[in-house]
Amino acid sequence: MNFLRLATTALLFSAIAACSSVPRFVNEYKIDIQQGNVLSQDMVSQLRPGLTKDQVRYILGTPVLTDMFHASRWEYFYSLRKGNSGDTERRKFTVFFDADGKLIRVAGDVAAASTGEAVRAGNAMQELDLGSVGADVKAPPQQEERGFFGRILEKVGF
């Protein structure tokens, strides 16, 4: 009899607990979901007019979309959804080729990196003039920043 009462009570509490929701202070881990090709400003700044399709594929990676009706256009998409916050970052980039398979222009929301400063990607599509991107421009070398112990040793005189 005592066992039956204990089993019934345990079953009742289990049923009530199964109907409850998870409290707000308990956060489950949600992974970041990345889709498409990672497009960086450094990759875009390597593009020059006249590059072949193989060279563009080497720099940017395999395109996400190659349309059979527009064989001279490649589409690159990138999407990153943060798991915990739910914020989504999206980038779209299009590469156009001429009839010979040479790069003529690009358009998208990833701008080429200028010397010394990075441009934040916006949501607006823009066309990038590949002729304006300098071929011989090199970024100045960055000095290595010393760590905590390196700064202490520098103050001591080493």
N, C-alpha and C. Protein backbone atom coordinates (compact mmCIF):
# COMPACT_ATOMS: atom_id res chain seq x y z
N MET A 1 0.82 -1.19 0.00
CA MET A 1 0.00 0.00 0.00
C MET A 1 0.87 1.26 0.00
N ASN A 2 1.89 1.24 0.85
CA ASN A 2 2.79 2.37 0.94
C ASN A 2 3.55 2.54 -0.38
N PHE A 3 3.95 1.43 -0.99
CA PHE A 3 4.65 1.47 -2.28
C PHE A 3 3.74 2.04 -3.37
N LEU A 4 2.49 1.66 -3.39
CA LEU A 4 1.53 2.15 -4.38
C LEU A 4 1.34 3.66 -4.24
N ARG A 5 1.25 4.15 -3.02
CA ARG A 5 1.10 5.59 -2.79
C ARG A 5 2.36 6.33 -3.26
N LEU A 6 3.53 5.80 -3.01
CA LEU A 6 4.79 6.41 -3.44
C LEU A 6 4.90 6.41 -4.97
N ALA A 7 4.53 5.31 -5.60
CA ALA A 7 4.58 5.22 -7.06
C ALA A 7 3.59 6.19 -7.70
N THR A 8 2.40 6.31 -7.14
CA THR A 8 1.40 7.24 -7.68
C THR A 8 1.87 8.68 -7.53
N THR A 9 2.46 9.00 -6.41
CA THR A 9 2.97 10.36 -6.18
C THR A 9 4.11 10.66 -7.15
N ALA A 10 5.01 9.73 -7.36
CA ALA A 10 6.12 9.92 -8.30
C ALA A 10 5.60 10.09 -9.72
N LEU A 11 4.61 9.31 -10.11
CA LEU A 11 4.02 9.41 -11.44
C LEU A 11 3.33 10.75 -11.62
N LEU A 12 2.63 11.23 -10.61
CA LEU A 12 1.94 12.51 -10.67
C LEU A 12 2.94 13.66 -10.81
N PHE A 13 4.00 13.64 -10.01
CA PHE A 13 5.01 14.69 -10.11
C PHE A 13 5.76 14.64 -11.45
N SER A 14 5.98 13.46 -11.99
CA SER A 14 6.63 13.33 -13.30
C SER A 14 5.75 13.92 -14.39
N ALA A 15 4.45 13.68 -14.32
CA ALA A 15 3.52 14.22 -15.31
C ALA A 15 3.45 15.73 -15.22
N ILE A 16 3.45 16.27 -14.02
CA ILE A 16 3.41 17.73 -13.85
C ILE A 16 4.71 18.35 -14.35
N ALA A 17 5.84 17.73 -14.06
CA ALA A 17 7.14 18.26 -14.51
C ALA A 17 7.27 18.20 -16.02
N ALA A 18 6.67 17.22 -16.66
CA ALA A 18 6.75 17.10 -18.12
C ALA A 18 5.99 18.21 -18.82
N CYS A 19 5.01 18.79 -18.19
CA CYS A 19 4.21 19.85 -18.79
C CYS A 19 4.81 21.23 -18.58
N SER A 20 5.86 21.33 -17.81
CA SER A 20 6.43 22.64 -17.52
C SER A 20 7.39 23.06 -18.62
N SER A 21 7.75 24.33 -18.63
CA SER A 21 8.70 24.85 -19.61
C SER A 21 10.04 25.08 -18.93
N VAL A 22 11.06 25.32 -19.75
CA VAL A 22 12.40 25.56 -19.24
C VAL A 22 12.47 27.01 -18.75
N PRO A 23 12.99 27.25 -17.56
CA PRO A 23 13.09 28.63 -17.07
C PRO A 23 14.04 29.46 -17.92
N ARG A 24 13.86 30.77 -17.90
CA ARG A 24 14.65 31.67 -18.74
C ARG A 24 16.13 31.68 -18.38
N PHE A 25 16.47 31.41 -17.14
CA PHE A 25 17.88 31.47 -16.76
C PHE A 25 18.66 30.24 -17.23
N VAL A 26 17.99 29.23 -17.76
CA VAL A 26 18.66 28.06 -18.32
C VAL A 26 18.71 28.26 -19.83
N ASN A 27 19.92 28.50 -20.35
CA ASN A 27 20.09 28.73 -21.79
C ASN A 27 20.76 27.52 -22.42
N GLU A 28 20.13 26.96 -23.40
CA GLU A 28 20.76 25.87 -24.12
C GLU A 28 21.72 26.45 -25.15
N TYR A 29 22.71 25.68 -25.51
CA TYR A 29 23.70 26.13 -26.48
C TYR A 29 23.14 25.97 -27.89
N LYS A 30 23.25 27.02 -28.68
CA LYS A 30 22.84 26.98 -30.07
C LYS A 30 24.07 27.29 -30.92
N ILE A 31 24.30 26.48 -31.93
CA ILE A 31 25.50 26.64 -32.74
C ILE A 31 25.32 27.76 -33.76
N ASP A 32 26.45 28.31 -34.21
CA ASP A 32 26.45 29.27 -35.30
C ASP A 32 26.33 28.50 -36.60
N ILE A 33 25.48 28.97 -37.50
CA ILE A 33 25.27 28.28 -38.77
C ILE A 33 25.85 29.14 -39.88
N GLN A 34 26.86 28.60 -40.56
CA GLN A 34 27.53 29.29 -41.65
C GLN A 34 27.20 28.58 -42.95
N GLN A 35 26.80 29.36 -43.96
CA GLN A 35 26.47 28.78 -45.26
C GLN A 35 27.13 29.61 -46.35
N GLY A 36 27.55 28.96 -47.40
CA GLY A 36 28.12 29.66 -48.55
C GLY A 36 29.62 29.86 -48.42
N ASN A 37 30.14 30.76 -49.26
CA ASN A 37 31.56 31.05 -49.31
C ASN A 37 31.88 32.23 -48.41
N VAL A 38 32.94 32.11 -47.64
CA VAL A 38 33.40 33.24 -46.84
C VAL A 38 34.06 34.23 -47.79
N LEU A 39 33.55 35.45 -47.82
CA LEU A 39 34.09 36.48 -48.70
C LEU A 39 34.72 37.57 -47.85
N SER A 40 36.00 37.80 -48.04
CA SER A 40 36.68 38.85 -47.29
C SER A 40 37.08 39.98 -48.23
N GLN A 41 37.38 41.11 -47.65
CA GLN A 41 37.79 42.26 -48.45
C GLN A 41 39.14 42.01 -49.11
N ASP A 42 39.99 41.24 -48.46
CA ASP A 42 41.29 40.92 -49.06
C ASP A 42 41.12 40.08 -50.32
N MET A 43 40.15 39.18 -50.31
CA MET A 43 39.90 38.35 -51.49
C MET A 43 39.42 39.22 -52.65
N VAL A 44 38.52 40.15 -52.37
CA VAL A 44 37.98 41.01 -53.41
C VAL A 44 39.06 41.94 -53.96
N SER A 45 39.97 42.39 -53.10
CA SER A 45 41.02 43.30 -53.57
C SER A 45 42.03 42.59 -54.48
N GLN A 46 42.05 41.26 -54.51
CA GLN A 46 42.94 40.53 -55.41
C GLN A 46 42.38 40.42 -56.82
N LEU A 47 41.11 40.73 -57.01
CA LEU A 47 40.49 40.61 -58.33
C LEU A 47 40.95 41.74 -59.23
N ARG A 48 41.27 41.40 -60.47
CA ARG A 48 41.71 42.36 -61.48
C ARG A 48 40.97 42.07 -62.78
N PRO A 49 40.72 43.08 -63.60
CA PRO A 49 40.12 42.81 -64.91
C PRO A 49 41.04 41.93 -65.74
N GLY A 50 40.45 40.99 -66.44
CA GLY A 50 41.23 40.11 -67.30
C GLY A 50 41.59 38.78 -66.67
N LEU A 51 41.26 38.56 -65.41
CA LEU A 51 41.52 37.27 -64.79
C LEU A 51 40.63 36.20 -65.41
N THR A 52 41.14 35.00 -65.53
CA THR A 52 40.35 33.91 -66.09
C THR A 52 39.40 33.36 -65.03
N LYS A 53 38.48 32.51 -65.47
CA LYS A 53 37.53 31.91 -64.54
C LYS A 53 38.24 31.03 -63.52
N ASP A 54 39.29 30.34 -63.95
CA ASP A 54 40.05 29.49 -63.02
C ASP A 54 40.75 30.32 -61.95
N GLN A 55 41.29 31.47 -62.34
CA GLN A 55 41.95 32.33 -61.38
C GLN A 55 40.96 32.91 -60.37
N VAL A 56 39.78 33.29 -60.85
CA VAL A 56 38.75 33.81 -59.94
C VAL A 56 38.28 32.71 -59.01
N ARG A 57 38.13 31.50 -59.52
CA ARG A 57 37.72 30.37 -58.68
C ARG A 57 38.78 30.08 -57.63
N TYR A 58 40.05 30.24 -57.98
CA TYR A 58 41.13 30.03 -57.01
C TYR A 58 41.09 31.08 -55.90
N ILE A 59 40.79 32.33 -56.24
CA ILE A 59 40.77 33.41 -55.26
C ILE A 59 39.53 33.35 -54.38
N LEU A 60 38.36 33.22 -54.99
CA LEU A 60 37.09 33.31 -54.24
C LEU A 60 36.51 31.96 -53.85
N GLY A 61 36.95 30.90 -54.48
CA GLY A 61 36.37 29.59 -54.22
C GLY A 61 35.29 29.27 -55.26
N THR A 62 34.72 28.11 -55.15
CA THR A 62 33.69 27.68 -56.08
C THR A 62 32.43 28.50 -55.86
N PRO A 63 31.83 29.03 -56.93
CA PRO A 63 30.62 29.84 -56.75
C PRO A 63 29.45 29.01 -56.26
N VAL A 64 28.58 29.64 -55.50
CA VAL A 64 27.41 28.96 -54.99
C VAL A 64 26.41 28.73 -56.11
N LEU A 65 26.31 29.68 -57.03
CA LEU A 65 25.32 29.58 -58.10
C LEU A 65 25.95 29.92 -59.43
N THR A 66 25.89 29.00 -60.37
CA THR A 66 26.24 29.26 -61.76
C THR A 66 25.00 28.95 -62.58
N ASP A 67 24.43 29.96 -63.17
CA ASP A 67 23.17 29.83 -63.89
C ASP A 67 23.44 29.43 -65.33
N MET A 68 22.72 28.43 -65.83
CA MET A 68 22.92 28.01 -67.21
C MET A 68 22.43 29.05 -68.20
N PHE A 69 21.53 29.93 -67.79
CA PHE A 69 21.04 30.98 -68.68
C PHE A 69 21.95 32.20 -68.67
N HIS A 70 22.77 32.34 -67.65
CA HIS A 70 23.74 33.42 -67.55
C HIS A 70 25.10 32.80 -67.24
N ALA A 71 25.71 32.20 -68.24
CA ALA A 71 26.97 31.48 -68.04
C ALA A 71 28.13 32.42 -67.72
N SER A 72 27.97 33.70 -68.03
CA SER A 72 29.04 34.66 -67.78
C SER A 72 28.90 35.34 -66.43
N ARG A 73 28.06 34.80 -65.55
CA ARG A 73 27.85 35.41 -64.23
C ARG A 73 27.92 34.34 -63.15
N TRP A 74 28.71 34.61 -62.13
CA TRP A 74 28.80 33.72 -60.98
C TRP A 74 28.29 34.45 -59.76
N GLU A 75 27.54 33.74 -58.93
CA GLU A 75 26.98 34.31 -57.71
C GLU A 75 27.66 33.67 -56.49
N TYR A 76 28.06 34.51 -55.57
CA TYR A 76 28.63 34.06 -54.30
C TYR A 76 27.74 34.58 -53.17
N PHE A 77 27.33 33.70 -52.29
CA PHE A 77 26.51 34.07 -51.14
C PHE A 77 27.21 33.62 -49.87
N TYR A 78 27.01 34.38 -48.81
CA TYR A 78 27.54 34.02 -47.51
C TYR A 78 26.51 34.41 -46.46
N SER A 79 26.24 33.50 -45.57
CA SER A 79 25.28 33.76 -44.50
C SER A 79 25.83 33.16 -43.21
N LEU A 80 25.78 33.94 -42.14
CA LEU A 80 26.21 33.47 -40.83
C LEU A 80 25.15 33.87 -39.82
N ARG A 81 24.51 32.87 -39.22
CA ARG A 81 23.50 33.13 -38.20
C ARG A 81 24.09 32.74 -36.85
N LYS A 82 24.16 33.72 -35.96
CA LYS A 82 24.67 33.50 -34.61
C LYS A 82 23.64 32.71 -33.83
N GLY A 83 24.08 31.68 -33.15
CA GLY A 83 23.16 30.80 -32.45
C GLY A 83 22.44 31.43 -31.29
N ASN A 84 23.17 32.07 -30.40
CA ASN A 84 22.55 32.60 -29.19
C ASN A 84 21.76 33.88 -29.44
N SER A 85 22.28 34.77 -30.29
CA SER A 85 21.58 36.04 -30.50
C SER A 85 20.58 35.96 -31.65
N GLY A 86 20.79 35.08 -32.60
CA GLY A 86 19.89 34.98 -33.74
C GLY A 86 20.18 36.00 -34.82
N ASP A 87 21.21 36.85 -34.64
CA ASP A 87 21.57 37.84 -35.65
C ASP A 87 22.12 37.13 -36.88
N THR A 88 21.76 37.64 -38.06
CA THR A 88 22.20 37.03 -39.30
C THR A 88 22.99 38.04 -40.12
N GLU A 89 24.16 37.62 -40.57
CA GLU A 89 24.98 38.44 -41.47
C GLU A 89 24.91 37.80 -42.85
N ARG A 90 24.53 38.60 -43.85
CA ARG A 90 24.42 38.08 -45.22
C ARG A 90 25.26 38.94 -46.16
N ARG A 91 25.91 38.26 -47.08
CA ARG A 91 26.68 38.95 -48.11
C ARG A 91 26.38 38.31 -49.45
N LYS A 92 26.29 39.15 -50.47
CA LYS A 92 26.07 38.67 -51.83
C LYS A 92 27.11 39.33 -52.72
N PHE A 93 27.69 38.55 -53.60
CA PHE A 93 28.74 39.06 -54.47
C PHE A 93 28.58 38.40 -55.84
N THR A 94 28.64 39.19 -56.89
CA THR A 94 28.45 38.69 -58.25
C THR A 94 29.68 39.03 -59.08
N VAL A 95 30.14 38.06 -59.86
CA VAL A 95 31.30 38.22 -60.73
C VAL A 95 30.83 38.06 -62.17
N PHE A 96 31.20 39.01 -63.04
CA PHE A 96 30.78 38.99 -64.44
C PHE A 96 32.00 38.75 -65.34
N PHE A 97 31.82 37.91 -66.35
CA PHE A 97 32.87 37.58 -67.31
C PHE A 97 32.41 37.97 -68.71
N ASP A 98 33.39 38.16 -69.61
CA ASP A 98 33.04 38.42 -71.01
C ASP A 98 32.92 37.09 -71.75
N ALA A 99 32.77 37.14 -73.06
CA ALA A 99 32.57 35.93 -73.86
C ALA A 99 33.80 35.02 -73.85
N ASP A 100 34.98 35.60 -73.62
CA ASP A 100 36.22 34.81 -73.59
C ASP A 100 36.50 34.21 -72.21
N GLY A 101 35.65 34.48 -71.24
CA GLY A 101 35.86 33.96 -69.90
C GLY A 101 36.80 34.80 -69.06
N LYS A 102 36.96 36.08 -69.41
CA LYS A 102 37.82 37.00 -68.66
C LYS A 102 36.95 37.89 -67.77
N LEU A 103 37.44 38.18 -66.60
CA LEU A 103 36.72 39.00 -65.64
C LEU A 103 36.60 40.43 -66.16
N ILE A 104 35.36 40.97 -66.16
CA ILE A 104 35.18 42.35 -66.60
C ILE A 104 34.70 43.26 -65.47
N ARG A 105 33.83 42.76 -64.59
CA ARG A 105 33.36 43.59 -63.49
C ARG A 105 32.80 42.71 -62.38
N VAL A 106 32.66 43.31 -61.21
CA VAL A 106 32.08 42.63 -60.06
C VAL A 106 31.08 43.58 -59.40
N ALA A 107 30.12 43.01 -58.70
CA ALA A 107 29.14 43.80 -57.96
C ALA A 107 28.79 43.04 -56.69
N GLY A 108 28.45 43.77 -55.66
CA GLY A 108 28.05 43.11 -54.43
C GLY A 108 28.18 44.02 -53.23
N ASP A 109 27.97 43.46 -52.07
CA ASP A 109 28.05 44.25 -50.85
C ASP A 109 29.34 44.00 -50.08
N VAL A 110 30.36 43.47 -50.76
CA VAL A 110 31.69 43.32 -50.18
C VAL A 110 32.61 44.24 -50.96
N ALA A 111 33.19 45.23 -50.29
CA ALA A 111 34.07 46.19 -50.95
C ALA A 111 35.51 45.73 -50.82
N ALA A 112 36.35 46.19 -51.74
CA ALA A 112 37.77 45.87 -51.66
C ALA A 112 38.39 46.63 -50.51
N ALA A 113 39.33 46.01 -49.83
CA ALA A 113 40.00 46.65 -48.70
C ALA A 113 40.95 47.71 -49.22
N SER A 114 40.86 48.90 -48.66
CA SER A 114 41.79 49.95 -49.02
C SER A 114 43.03 49.82 -48.14
N THR A 115 44.09 50.51 -48.51
CA THR A 115 45.35 50.38 -47.80
C THR A 115 45.22 50.91 -46.39
N GLY A 116 45.48 50.07 -45.41
CA GLY A 116 45.52 50.49 -44.03
C GLY A 116 44.19 50.50 -43.31
N GLU A 117 43.09 50.44 -44.00
CA GLU A 117 41.80 50.46 -43.32
C GLU A 117 40.84 49.50 -43.99
N ALA A 118 39.97 48.93 -43.22
CA ALA A 118 38.97 48.00 -43.73
C ALA A 118 37.64 48.71 -43.84
N VAL A 119 36.87 48.34 -44.84
CA VAL A 119 35.56 48.93 -45.06
C VAL A 119 34.52 47.94 -44.56
N ARG A 120 33.61 48.40 -43.74
CA ARG A 120 32.57 47.52 -43.20
C ARG A 120 31.57 47.22 -44.30
N ALA A 121 31.20 45.96 -44.41
CA ALA A 121 30.24 45.55 -45.43
C ALA A 121 28.87 46.10 -45.11
N GLY A 122 28.24 46.70 -46.10
CA GLY A 122 26.90 47.24 -45.92
C GLY A 122 25.88 46.33 -46.56
N ASN A 123 24.62 46.72 -46.46
CA ASN A 123 23.56 45.92 -47.05
C ASN A 123 23.30 46.31 -48.50
N ALA A 124 23.75 47.48 -48.93
CA ALA A 124 23.46 47.95 -50.27
C ALA A 124 24.41 47.32 -51.28
N MET A 125 23.88 46.94 -52.41
CA MET A 125 24.71 46.39 -53.47
C MET A 125 25.46 47.54 -54.14
N GLN A 126 26.70 47.32 -54.47
CA GLN A 126 27.47 48.33 -55.17
C GLN A 126 28.35 47.65 -56.19
N GLU A 127 28.67 48.39 -57.23
CA GLU A 127 29.53 47.86 -58.27
C GLU A 127 30.93 48.40 -58.04
N LEU A 128 31.90 47.53 -58.12
CA LEU A 128 33.29 47.89 -57.84
C LEU A 128 34.03 48.02 -59.15
N ASP A 129 34.67 49.17 -59.35
CA ASP A 129 35.48 49.39 -60.54
C ASP A 129 36.84 48.75 -60.30
N LEU A 130 37.12 47.67 -61.01
CA LEU A 130 38.37 46.94 -60.79
C LEU A 130 39.58 47.72 -61.26
N GLY A 131 39.39 48.68 -62.16
CA GLY A 131 40.51 49.49 -62.62
C GLY A 131 41.01 50.44 -61.55
N SER A 132 40.16 50.80 -60.59
CA SER A 132 40.57 51.75 -59.56
C SER A 132 41.35 51.10 -58.43
N VAL A 133 41.33 49.79 -58.37
CA VAL A 133 42.06 49.08 -57.32
C VAL A 133 43.51 48.97 -57.76
N GLY A 134 44.41 49.53 -56.97
CA GLY A 134 45.82 49.56 -57.34
C GLY A 134 46.46 48.18 -57.33
N ALA A 135 47.22 47.86 -58.39
CA ALA A 135 47.84 46.55 -58.48
C ALA A 135 49.15 46.50 -57.69
N ASP A 136 49.84 47.64 -57.61
CA ASP A 136 51.15 47.66 -56.98
C ASP A 136 51.11 48.15 -55.53
N VAL A 137 49.94 48.47 -55.03
CA VAL A 137 49.84 49.04 -53.69
C VAL A 137 50.03 47.94 -52.66
N LYS A 138 50.98 48.14 -51.78
CA LYS A 138 51.25 47.19 -50.70
C LYS A 138 50.92 47.86 -49.37
N ALA A 139 50.35 47.12 -48.48
CA ALA A 139 50.04 47.65 -47.15
C ALA A 139 51.33 47.78 -46.36
N PRO A 140 51.46 48.85 -45.56
CA PRO A 140 52.67 48.99 -44.76
C PRO A 140 52.75 47.87 -43.73
N PRO A 141 53.97 47.40 -43.45
CA PRO A 141 54.09 46.30 -42.48
C PRO A 141 53.65 46.77 -41.09
N GLN A 142 52.94 45.92 -40.41
CA GLN A 142 52.46 46.26 -39.07
C GLN A 142 53.51 45.84 -38.05
N GLN A 143 53.72 46.73 -37.07
CA GLN A 143 54.66 46.40 -36.02
C GLN A 143 54.01 45.41 -35.07
N GLU A 144 54.82 44.48 -34.61
CA GLU A 144 54.31 43.48 -33.69
C GLU A 144 54.11 44.11 -32.32
N GLU A 145 52.90 43.97 -31.79
CA GLU A 145 52.61 44.54 -30.48
C GLU A 145 53.13 43.60 -29.40
N ARG A 146 53.84 44.17 -28.45
CA ARG A 146 54.41 43.35 -27.38
C ARG A 146 53.32 42.96 -26.40
N GLY A 147 53.49 41.79 -25.82
CA GLY A 147 52.56 41.30 -24.82
C GLY A 147 52.83 41.90 -23.45
N PHE A 148 52.17 41.38 -22.46
CA PHE A 148 52.27 41.90 -21.09
C PHE A 148 53.70 41.80 -20.57
N PHE A 149 54.30 40.61 -20.67
CA PHE A 149 55.65 40.42 -20.15
C PHE A 149 56.68 41.16 -21.00
N GLY A 150 56.44 41.28 -22.28
CA GLY A 150 57.35 42.03 -23.14
C GLY A 150 57.40 43.50 -22.77
N ARG A 151 56.23 44.07 -22.42
CA ARG A 151 56.20 45.48 -22.01
C ARG A 151 56.89 45.67 -20.66
N ILE A 152 56.73 44.71 -19.76
CA ILE A 152 57.40 44.81 -18.45
C ILE A 152 58.91 44.74 -18.64
N LEU A 153 59.38 43.80 -19.47
CA LEU A 153 60.82 43.69 -19.72
C LEU A 153 61.35 44.94 -20.41
N GLU A 154 60.55 45.56 -21.26
CA GLU A 154 60.97 46.78 -21.93
C GLU A 154 61.14 47.92 -20.93
N LYS A 155 60.24 48.00 -19.95
CA LYS A 155 60.35 49.04 -18.92
C LYS A 155 61.55 48.81 -18.01
N VAL A 156 61.89 47.54 -17.77
CA VAL A 156 63.05 47.22 -16.94
C VAL A 156 64.34 47.53 -17.69
N GLY A 157 64.31 47.41 -19.01
CA GLY A 157 65.49 47.73 -19.79
C GLY A 157 66.01 46.60 -20.65
N PHE A 158 65.26 45.54 -20.80
CA PHE A 158 65.70 44.42 -21.64
C PHE A 158 65.16 44.54 -23.02
